[in-house]
Amino acid sequence: MSNEEQPFQITVSEEALSLLKRKLDDARFPDEINDAEWAYGVPLADIRRLTERWRDGYDWRVHERELNKLPMFTRSIEVQGFGEMSVHYVHQRSSVRGAIPLLFVHGCESPFYTPPFCLPSSFYYACPPGPGSFLEVTKMLPLLTAASPDHPSFHVVAPSLPGFAWSEGTRKKGFRPEHYAEVCAISLAYISYGLSQLGRSALQQTDDLSGLHGICDARRGLGSCGEIPTWAESVRGSWC
């Protein structure tokens, strides 16, 4: 694998799509307790509706073409103790001179809460709650990169964490939050946004981090990182 940035396009095979359709055709549904609604899980009617939608109404190729309009890339990252892995990410630069680099990490148990993560003083970090994917940033990109007198503009880097979407996962045990953070730190350093240190040495302090914000719920996970800024309210609404 090469550590040079490689343009990336999503290409799901017809074989994979045909297999999915066959599995949906062959789905067998259980019965359910009367009047349970959501007390015991997803109601059967909703499962049937979603199955029909995926089988008969959802056109993957339409969405694939839309996703491929994003500026997506892959790069090989060396993680200490785990070797090389290919990491997928969206990298959208702003046209605004002096725009702030922003690392947007999709929903997960955030790798930057424990242990602390070192970023330059001109860097922001945002992470929505819950498991997810790089898709979480798509609605926000136009707002985050736009020139506006009402809020700052950002160069956005939105990686897929290892094992998510098109980022390669590890086959070794012990891949911890600090390793996810290491992947993001090295990725940003390669993109040349001026990380002061690399790898595990970049996980030593939080003094250089300009901002740390949970996008969807300002009450969750911020700890001592402060209140969500007023300009972020409109961005948060676009994501939710």
C-alpha atoms as a PDB file:
ATOM      1  CA  MET A   1       0.000   0.000   0.000  1.00  0.00           C
ATOM      2  CA  SER A   2       1.076   3.576  -0.656  1.00  0.00           C
ATOM      3  CA  ASN A   3       0.938   6.408   1.878  1.00  0.00           C
ATOM      4  CA  GLU A   4       0.274   8.801  -1.008  1.00  0.00           C
ATOM      5  CA  GLU A   5      -3.249  10.230  -1.145  1.00  0.00           C
ATOM      6  CA  GLN A   6      -5.355   8.295  -3.665  1.00  0.00           C
ATOM      7  CA  PRO A   7      -8.670   9.581  -5.096  1.00  0.00           C
ATOM      8  CA  PHE A   8     -11.483   7.219  -4.159  1.00  0.00           C
ATOM      9  CA  GLN A   9     -14.799   6.302  -5.778  1.00  0.00           C
ATOM     10  CA  ILE A  10     -17.417   3.937  -4.365  1.00  0.00           C
ATOM     11  CA  THR A  11     -18.122   0.976  -6.644  1.00  0.00           C
ATOM     12  CA  VAL A  12     -20.418  -1.712  -5.270  1.00  0.00           C
ATOM     13  CA  SER A  13     -20.586  -4.756  -7.554  1.00  0.00           C
ATOM     14  CA  GLU A  14     -23.783  -5.916  -9.214  1.00  0.00           C
ATOM     15  CA  GLU A  15     -23.137  -9.283  -7.600  1.00  0.00           C
ATOM     16  CA  ALA A  16     -23.314  -7.740  -4.114  1.00  0.00           C
ATOM     17  CA  LEU A  17     -26.538  -5.870  -4.947  1.00  0.00           C
ATOM     18  CA  SER A  18     -28.116  -9.022  -6.405  1.00  0.00           C
ATOM     19  CA  LEU A  19     -27.162 -10.997  -3.300  1.00  0.00           C
ATOM     20  CA  LEU A  20     -28.791  -8.366  -1.071  1.00  0.00           C
ATOM     21  CA  LYS A  21     -32.002  -8.491  -3.096  1.00  0.00           C
ATOM     22  CA  ARG A  22     -32.095 -12.296  -2.870  1.00  0.00           C
ATOM     23  CA  LYS A  23     -31.663 -12.118   0.913  1.00  0.00           C
ATOM     24  CA  LEU A  24     -34.506  -9.606   1.163  1.00  0.00           C
ATOM     25  CA  ASP A  25     -36.701 -11.809  -1.032  1.00  0.00           C
ATOM     26  CA  ASP A  26     -35.982 -14.783   1.241  1.00  0.00           C
ATOM     27  CA  ALA A  27     -36.529 -12.952   4.529  1.00  0.00           C
ATOM     28  CA  ARG A  28     -38.707 -14.812   7.051  1.00  0.00           C
ATOM     29  CA  PHE A  29     -40.512 -12.662   9.594  1.00  0.00           C
ATOM     30  CA  PRO A  30     -41.400 -13.708  13.158  1.00  0.00           C
ATOM     31  CA  ASP A  31     -44.708 -13.098  14.866  1.00  0.00           C
ATOM     32  CA  GLU A  32     -44.988 -10.507  17.645  1.00  0.00           C
ATOM     33  CA  ILE A  33     -46.758  -9.818  20.933  1.00  0.00           C
ATOM     34  CA  ASN A  34     -50.090  -8.042  20.559  1.00  0.00           C
ATOM     35  CA  ASP A  35     -50.056  -4.301  21.212  1.00  0.00           C
ATOM     36  CA  ALA A  36     -46.344  -4.346  22.137  1.00  0.00           C
ATOM     37  CA  GLU A  37     -45.508  -1.404  19.877  1.00  0.00           C
ATOM     38  CA  TRP A  38     -41.825  -0.534  20.646  1.00  0.00           C
ATOM     39  CA  ALA A  39     -41.649  -2.184  24.078  1.00  0.00           C
ATOM     40  CA  TYR A  40     -39.945  -5.345  22.745  1.00  0.00           C
ATOM     41  CA  GLY A  41     -38.026  -3.919  19.809  1.00  0.00           C
ATOM     42  CA  VAL A  42     -38.912  -2.678  16.345  1.00  0.00           C
ATOM     43  CA  PRO A  43     -42.571  -3.393  15.439  1.00  0.00           C
ATOM     44  CA  LEU A  44     -43.017  -6.040  12.768  1.00  0.00           C
ATOM     45  CA  ALA A  45     -44.887  -3.629  10.495  1.00  0.00           C
ATOM     46  CA  ASP A  46     -41.867  -1.325  10.433  1.00  0.00           C
ATOM     47  CA  ILE A  47     -39.513  -4.186   9.630  1.00  0.00           C
ATOM     48  CA  ARG A  48     -41.737  -5.254   6.733  1.00  0.00           C
ATOM     49  CA  ARG A  49     -41.963  -1.675   5.481  1.00  0.00           C
ATOM     50  CA  LEU A  50     -38.188  -1.221   5.577  1.00  0.00           C
ATOM     51  CA  THR A  51     -37.634  -4.559   3.851  1.00  0.00           C
ATOM     52  CA  GLU A  52     -39.983  -3.585   1.047  1.00  0.00           C
ATOM     53  CA  ARG A  53     -38.270  -0.217   0.725  1.00  0.00           C
ATOM     54  CA  TRP A  54     -34.806  -1.764   0.427  1.00  0.00           C
ATOM     55  CA  ARG A  55     -36.011  -4.464  -1.960  1.00  0.00           C
ATOM     56  CA  ASP A  56     -38.328  -2.517  -4.263  1.00  0.00           C
ATOM     57  CA  GLY A  57     -37.852   1.234  -3.754  1.00  0.00           C
ATOM     58  CA  TYR A  58     -34.232   2.015  -2.896  1.00  0.00           C
ATOM     59  CA  ASP A  59     -31.947   2.618  -5.901  1.00  0.00           C
ATOM     60  CA  TRP A  60     -28.383   2.204  -4.659  1.00  0.00           C
ATOM     61  CA  ARG A  61     -26.840   3.405  -7.929  1.00  0.00           C
ATOM     62  CA  VAL A  62     -28.543   6.802  -7.575  1.00  0.00           C
ATOM     63  CA  HIS A  63     -27.085   7.254  -4.098  1.00  0.00           C
ATOM     64  CA  GLU A  64     -23.716   5.881  -5.157  1.00  0.00           C
ATOM     65  CA  ARG A  65     -23.455   8.542  -7.862  1.00  0.00           C
ATOM     66  CA  GLU A  66     -24.327  11.250  -5.337  1.00  0.00           C
ATOM     67  CA  LEU A  67     -21.760  10.013  -2.816  1.00  0.00           C
ATOM     68  CA  ASN A  68     -19.093   9.935  -5.508  1.00  0.00           C
ATOM     69  CA  LYS A  69     -19.479  13.692  -5.920  1.00  0.00           C
ATOM     70  CA  LEU A  70     -17.756  14.047  -2.530  1.00  0.00           C
ATOM     71  CA  PRO A  71     -13.990  14.664  -2.530  1.00  0.00           C
ATOM     72  CA  MET A  72     -13.038  11.234  -1.153  1.00  0.00           C
ATOM     73  CA  PHE A  73      -9.577   9.766  -0.761  1.00  0.00           C
ATOM     74  CA  THR A  74      -7.712   6.836   0.758  1.00  0.00           C
ATOM     75  CA  ARG A  75      -4.235   6.662   2.240  1.00  0.00           C
ATOM     76  CA  SER A  76      -2.143   3.954   3.877  1.00  0.00           C
ATOM     77  CA  ILE A  77      -1.450   4.700   7.562  1.00  0.00           C
ATOM     78  CA  GLU A  78       1.113   2.914   9.742  1.00  0.00           C
ATOM     79  CA  VAL A  79      -0.266   2.347  13.264  1.00  0.00           C
ATOM     80  CA  GLN A  80       2.229   1.349  15.925  1.00  0.00           C
ATOM     81  CA  GLY A  81       1.828  -2.335  16.739  1.00  0.00           C
ATOM     82  CA  PHE A  82      -0.841  -2.917  14.082  1.00  0.00           C
ATOM     83  CA  GLY A  83       0.953  -2.333  10.788  1.00  0.00           C
ATOM     84  CA  GLU A  84      -0.441  -0.526   7.775  1.00  0.00           C
ATOM     85  CA  MET A  85      -4.117  -0.008   7.045  1.00  0.00           C
ATOM     86  CA  SER A  86      -5.918   1.845   4.274  1.00  0.00           C
ATOM     87  CA  VAL A  87      -7.942   4.782   5.626  1.00  0.00           C
ATOM     88  CA  HIS A  88     -10.829   6.402   3.753  1.00  0.00           C
ATOM     89  CA  TYR A  89     -11.742  10.054   4.280  1.00  0.00           C
ATOM     90  CA  VAL A  90     -13.546  13.087   2.869  1.00  0.00           C
ATOM     91  CA  HIS A  91     -11.368  16.186   2.486  1.00  0.00           C
ATOM     92  CA  GLN A  92     -13.181  19.378   1.489  1.00  0.00           C
ATOM     93  CA  ARG A  93     -11.171  22.578   1.487  1.00  0.00           C
ATOM     94  CA  SER A  94     -12.767  25.978   1.896  1.00  0.00           C
ATOM     95  CA  SER A  95     -12.098  28.742  -0.597  1.00  0.00           C
ATOM     96  CA  VAL A  96     -11.703  31.171   2.318  1.00  0.00           C
ATOM     97  CA  ARG A  97      -8.154  32.221   3.023  1.00  0.00           C
ATOM     98  CA  GLY A  98      -7.192  31.366   6.588  1.00  0.00           C
ATOM     99  CA  ALA A  99     -10.035  28.871   7.041  1.00  0.00           C
ATOM    100  CA  ILE A 100      -9.724  26.703  10.160  1.00  0.00           C
ATOM    101  CA  PRO A 101      -8.935  22.989   9.765  1.00  0.00           C
ATOM    102  CA  LEU A 102     -11.741  20.909  11.291  1.00  0.00           C
ATOM    103  CA  LEU A 103     -11.589  17.200  12.072  1.00  0.00           C
ATOM    104  CA  PHE A 104     -15.084  15.674  11.900  1.00  0.00           C
ATOM    105  CA  VAL A 105     -15.191  12.170  13.364  1.00  0.00           C
ATOM    106  CA  HIS A 106     -18.381  10.218  12.788  1.00  0.00           C
ATOM    107  CA  GLY A 107     -20.428   8.813  15.643  1.00  0.00           C
ATOM    108  CA  CYS A 108     -18.606   6.241  17.731  1.00  0.00           C
ATOM    109  CA  GLU A 109     -17.167   5.951  21.203  1.00  0.00           C
ATOM    110  CA  SER A 110     -15.033   9.014  20.639  1.00  0.00           C
ATOM    111  CA  PRO A 111     -11.288   8.273  20.422  1.00  0.00           C
ATOM    112  CA  PHE A 112     -10.490  11.796  21.633  1.00  0.00           C
ATOM    113  CA  TYR A 113     -12.094  11.741  25.067  1.00  0.00           C
ATOM    114  CA  THR A 114      -9.709   9.114  26.504  1.00  0.00           C
ATOM    115  CA  PRO A 115      -6.791   9.548  26.282  1.00  0.00           C
ATOM    116  CA  PRO A 116      -6.401  13.266  25.374  1.00  0.00           C
ATOM    117  CA  PHE A 117      -5.433  14.190  21.860  1.00  0.00           C
ATOM    118  CA  CYS A 118      -3.084  16.971  20.755  1.00  0.00           C
ATOM    119  CA  LEU A 119      -4.067  19.290  17.892  1.00  0.00           C
ATOM    120  CA  PRO A 120      -2.731  22.687  16.835  1.00  0.00           C
ATOM    121  CA  SER A 121      -4.292  25.746  18.456  1.00  0.00           C
ATOM    122  CA  SER A 122      -6.036  26.651  15.189  1.00  0.00           C
ATOM    123  CA  PHE A 123      -7.835  23.311  14.977  1.00  0.00           C
ATOM    124  CA  TYR A 124     -11.415  22.310  15.815  1.00  0.00           C
ATOM    125  CA  TYR A 125     -12.742  18.816  16.439  1.00  0.00           C
ATOM    126  CA  ALA A 126     -16.385  17.717  16.180  1.00  0.00           C
ATOM    127  CA  CYS A 127     -17.969  14.360  16.901  1.00  0.00           C
ATOM    128  CA  PRO A 128     -21.675  13.389  16.837  1.00  0.00           C
ATOM    129  CA  PRO A 129     -22.814  10.728  19.341  1.00  0.00           C
ATOM    130  CA  GLY A 130     -23.581   7.115  18.527  1.00  0.00           C
ATOM    131  CA  PRO A 131     -22.242   4.724  15.865  1.00  0.00           C
ATOM    132  CA  GLY A 132     -22.370   6.055  12.316  1.00  0.00           C
ATOM    133  CA  SER A 133     -20.251   6.824   9.254  1.00  0.00           C
ATOM    134  CA  PHE A 134     -18.663   9.631   7.262  1.00  0.00           C
ATOM    135  CA  LEU A 135     -22.133  10.303   5.780  1.00  0.00           C
ATOM    136  CA  GLU A 136     -22.895  12.341   8.889  1.00  0.00           C
ATOM    137  CA  VAL A 137     -20.808  15.215   7.534  1.00  0.00           C
ATOM    138  CA  THR A 138     -22.399  15.423   4.072  1.00  0.00           C
ATOM    139  CA  LYS A 139     -25.247  17.836   4.915  1.00  0.00           C
ATOM    140  CA  MET A 140     -22.851  20.053   6.852  1.00  0.00           C
ATOM    141  CA  LEU A 141     -20.077  20.414   4.273  1.00  0.00           C
ATOM    142  CA  PRO A 142     -21.591  23.359   2.358  1.00  0.00           C
ATOM    143  CA  LEU A 143     -22.185  25.262   5.621  1.00  0.00           C
ATOM    144  CA  LEU A 144     -18.820  24.467   7.157  1.00  0.00           C
ATOM    145  CA  THR A 145     -16.797  25.445   4.091  1.00  0.00           C
ATOM    146  CA  ALA A 146     -18.875  28.481   3.062  1.00  0.00           C
ATOM    147  CA  ALA A 147     -17.722  32.075   3.366  1.00  0.00           C
ATOM    148  CA  SER A 148     -20.011  33.938   5.771  1.00  0.00           C
ATOM    149  CA  PRO A 149     -19.805  37.034   7.992  1.00  0.00           C
ATOM    150  CA  ASP A 150     -21.792  35.107  10.628  1.00  0.00           C
ATOM    151  CA  HIS A 151     -19.462  32.177  11.276  1.00  0.00           C
ATOM    152  CA  PRO A 152     -15.931  30.969  10.530  1.00  0.00           C
ATOM    153  CA  SER A 153     -15.093  28.786   7.549  1.00  0.00           C
ATOM    154  CA  PHE A 154     -13.378  25.414   7.769  1.00  0.00           C
ATOM    155  CA  HIS A 155     -11.228  23.006   5.811  1.00  0.00           C
ATOM    156  CA  VAL A 156     -13.031  19.748   6.681  1.00  0.00           C
ATOM    157  CA  VAL A 157     -11.422  16.344   7.094  1.00  0.00           C
ATOM    158  CA  ALA A 158     -13.954  13.567   7.815  1.00  0.00           C
ATOM    159  CA  PRO A 159     -12.283  10.157   8.110  1.00  0.00           C
ATOM    160  CA  SER A 160     -13.940   6.773   8.282  1.00  0.00           C
ATOM    161  CA  LEU A 161     -12.556   5.244  11.454  1.00  0.00           C
ATOM    162  CA  PRO A 162     -10.753   1.911  10.953  1.00  0.00           C
ATOM    163  CA  GLY A 163     -13.307  -0.835  10.409  1.00  0.00           C
ATOM    164  CA  PHE A 164     -16.008   1.603   9.238  1.00  0.00           C
ATOM    165  CA  ALA A 165     -17.162   2.200   5.640  1.00  0.00           C
ATOM    166  CA  TRP A 166     -14.154   1.898   3.311  1.00  0.00           C
ATOM    167  CA  SER A 167     -11.426   2.133   5.943  1.00  0.00           C
ATOM    168  CA  GLU A 168      -9.594  -1.104   6.560  1.00  0.00           C
ATOM    169  CA  GLY A 169      -9.988  -2.648  10.015  1.00  0.00           C
ATOM    170  CA  THR A 170      -7.420  -4.465  12.111  1.00  0.00           C
ATOM    171  CA  ARG A 171      -7.210  -8.222  12.581  1.00  0.00           C
ATOM    172  CA  LYS A 172      -5.333  -7.910  15.862  1.00  0.00           C
ATOM    173  CA  LYS A 173      -6.800  -7.623  19.342  1.00  0.00           C
ATOM    174  CA  GLY A 174      -6.255  -4.523  21.459  1.00  0.00           C
ATOM    175  CA  PHE A 175      -7.092  -1.740  18.994  1.00  0.00           C
ATOM    176  CA  ARG A 176      -8.064   0.943  21.502  1.00  0.00           C
ATOM    177  CA  PRO A 177      -9.355   4.549  21.319  1.00  0.00           C
ATOM    178  CA  GLU A 178      -5.802   5.899  21.317  1.00  0.00           C
ATOM    179  CA  HIS A 179      -5.101   3.929  18.129  1.00  0.00           C
ATOM    180  CA  TYR A 180      -8.119   5.483  16.397  1.00  0.00           C
ATOM    181  CA  ALA A 181      -6.765   8.859  17.491  1.00  0.00           C
ATOM    182  CA  GLU A 182      -3.344   7.952  16.124  1.00  0.00           C
ATOM    183  CA  VAL A 183      -4.852   7.157  12.715  1.00  0.00           C
ATOM    184  CA  CYS A 184      -6.558  10.565  12.602  1.00  0.00           C
ATOM    185  CA  ALA A 185      -3.442  12.397  13.817  1.00  0.00           C
ATOM    186  CA  ILE A 186      -1.210  10.848  11.176  1.00  0.00           C
ATOM    187  CA  SER A 187      -3.829  11.381   8.454  1.00  0.00           C
ATOM    188  CA  LEU A 188      -4.011  15.090   9.293  1.00  0.00           C
ATOM    189  CA  ALA A 189      -0.238  15.384   9.348  1.00  0.00           C
ATOM    190  CA  TYR A 190      -0.029  13.891   5.857  1.00  0.00           C
ATOM    191  CA  ILE A 191      -2.659  16.389   4.661  1.00  0.00           C
ATOM    192  CA  SER A 192      -0.303  19.075   6.053  1.00  0.00           C
ATOM    193  CA  TYR A 193      -2.537  20.867   8.530  1.00  0.00           C
ATOM    194  CA  GLY A 194       0.410  21.321  10.827  1.00  0.00           C
ATOM    195  CA  LEU A 195       0.043  18.764  13.594  1.00  0.00           C
ATOM    196  CA  SER A 196       2.807  19.453  16.061  1.00  0.00           C
ATOM    197  CA  GLN A 197       3.548  15.767  16.689  1.00  0.00           C
ATOM    198  CA  LEU A 198       2.769  12.363  15.202  1.00  0.00           C
ATOM    199  CA  GLY A 199       1.528   9.011  16.438  1.00  0.00           C
ATOM    200  CA  ARG A 200       1.380   8.179  20.143  1.00  0.00           C
ATOM    201  CA  SER A 201       3.403  11.272  21.011  1.00  0.00           C
ATOM    202  CA  ALA A 202       0.405  13.285  19.715  1.00  0.00           C
ATOM    203  CA  LEU A 203      -1.802  11.891  22.467  1.00  0.00           C
ATOM    204  CA  GLN A 204      -0.211  13.700  25.387  1.00  0.00           C
ATOM    205  CA  GLN A 205      -2.142  16.895  26.083  1.00  0.00           C
ATOM    206  CA  THR A 206      -5.276  18.865  25.259  1.00  0.00           C
ATOM    207  CA  ASP A 207      -3.862  22.374  25.770  1.00  0.00           C
ATOM    208  CA  ASP A 208      -3.385  22.872  22.010  1.00  0.00           C
ATOM    209  CA  LEU A 209      -6.957  21.944  21.054  1.00  0.00           C
ATOM    210  CA  SER A 210      -8.996  25.009  20.074  1.00  0.00           C
ATOM    211  CA  GLY A 211     -12.398  23.379  20.266  1.00  0.00           C
ATOM    212  CA  LEU A 212     -14.068  20.082  21.024  1.00  0.00           C
ATOM    213  CA  HIS A 213     -17.781  19.922  20.263  1.00  0.00           C
ATOM    214  CA  GLY A 214     -20.487  17.277  20.177  1.00  0.00           C
ATOM    215  CA  ILE A 215     -22.600  18.355  17.216  1.00  0.00           C
ATOM    216  CA  CYS A 216     -25.984  16.750  17.869  1.00  0.00           C
ATOM    217  CA  ASP A 217     -26.314  17.134  21.633  1.00  0.00           C
ATOM    218  CA  ALA A 218     -24.451  19.957  23.309  1.00  0.00           C
ATOM    219  CA  ARG A 219     -25.156  18.421  26.722  1.00  0.00           C
ATOM    220  CA  ARG A 220     -23.403  15.154  25.940  1.00  0.00           C
ATOM    221  CA  GLY A 221     -19.685  14.423  26.077  1.00  0.00           C
ATOM    222  CA  LEU A 222     -18.346  17.963  26.226  1.00  0.00           C
ATOM    223  CA  GLY A 223     -16.985  17.685  29.757  1.00  0.00           C
ATOM    224  CA  SER A 224     -14.677  20.618  30.419  1.00  0.00           C
ATOM    225  CA  CYS A 225     -14.450  21.583  26.765  1.00  0.00           C
ATOM    226  CA  GLY A 226     -16.924  24.444  27.085  1.00  0.00           C
ATOM    227  CA  GLU A 227     -20.251  25.413  25.586  1.00  0.00           C
ATOM    228  CA  ILE A 228     -21.080  24.851  21.951  1.00  0.00           C
ATOM    229  CA  PRO A 229     -20.447  28.154  20.099  1.00  0.00           C
ATOM    230  CA  THR A 230     -23.453  30.128  18.915  1.00  0.00           C
ATOM    231  CA  TRP A 231     -22.507  29.822  15.238  1.00  0.00           C
ATOM    232  CA  ALA A 232     -22.572  26.009  15.585  1.00  0.00           C
ATOM    233  CA  GLU A 233     -26.283  25.946  16.420  1.00  0.00           C
ATOM    234  CA  SER A 234     -27.333  26.259  12.764  1.00  0.00           C
ATOM    235  CA  VAL A 235     -24.785  23.660  11.703  1.00  0.00           C
ATOM    236  CA  ARG A 236     -25.961  21.291  14.424  1.00  0.00           C
ATOM    237  CA  GLY A 237     -29.531  21.680  13.212  1.00  0.00           C
ATOM    238  CA  SER A 238     -28.528  20.787   9.667  1.00  0.00           C
ATOM    239  CA  TRP A 239     -26.974  17.549  10.865  1.00  0.00           C
ATOM    240  CA  CYS A 240     -29.842  16.495  13.131  1.00  0.00           C
END
